[in-house]
């Protein structure tokens, strides 16, 4: 997963901005 490779939620208070494509993909997954 992109987030596992690019950020650590337990150490980073501010998560790095995810690529638009990933955001769109996750959004569609949640919608359907």
Protein backbone atom coordinates (compact mmCIF):
# COMPACT_ATOMS: atom_id res chain seq x y z
CA UNK A 1 0.00 0.00 0.00
CA UNK A 2 1.17 3.51 -0.78
CA UNK A 3 0.62 4.74 2.75
CA UNK A 4 2.58 1.89 4.32
CA UNK A 5 5.53 2.70 2.05
CA UNK A 6 5.43 6.48 2.37
CA UNK A 7 4.29 7.37 5.86
CA UNK A 8 4.17 6.17 9.42
CA UNK A 9 0.95 7.33 11.12
CA UNK A 10 2.49 6.63 14.52
CA UNK A 11 5.43 8.97 13.91
CA UNK A 12 4.18 11.49 11.36
CA UNK A 13 1.66 13.96 12.72
CA UNK A 14 1.00 15.26 9.23
CA UNK A 15 0.57 12.56 6.61
CA UNK A 16 2.19 13.23 3.23
CA UNK A 17 -0.21 14.17 0.48
CA UNK A 18 -1.34 11.10 -1.40
CA UNK A 19 -1.22 11.05 -5.21
CA UNK A 20 -4.51 12.12 -6.79
CA UNK A 21 -4.86 8.72 -8.44
CA UNK A 22 -4.67 6.94 -5.10
CA UNK A 23 -7.18 9.29 -3.51
CA UNK A 24 -9.57 8.73 -6.39
CA UNK A 25 -9.13 4.97 -6.21
CA UNK A 26 -9.78 4.88 -2.47
CA UNK A 27 -12.78 7.18 -2.87
CA UNK A 28 -14.35 4.86 -5.45
CA UNK A 29 -13.71 1.85 -3.22
CA UNK A 30 -15.50 3.51 -0.31
CA UNK A 31 -18.40 4.68 -2.47
CA UNK A 32 -19.06 1.22 -3.91
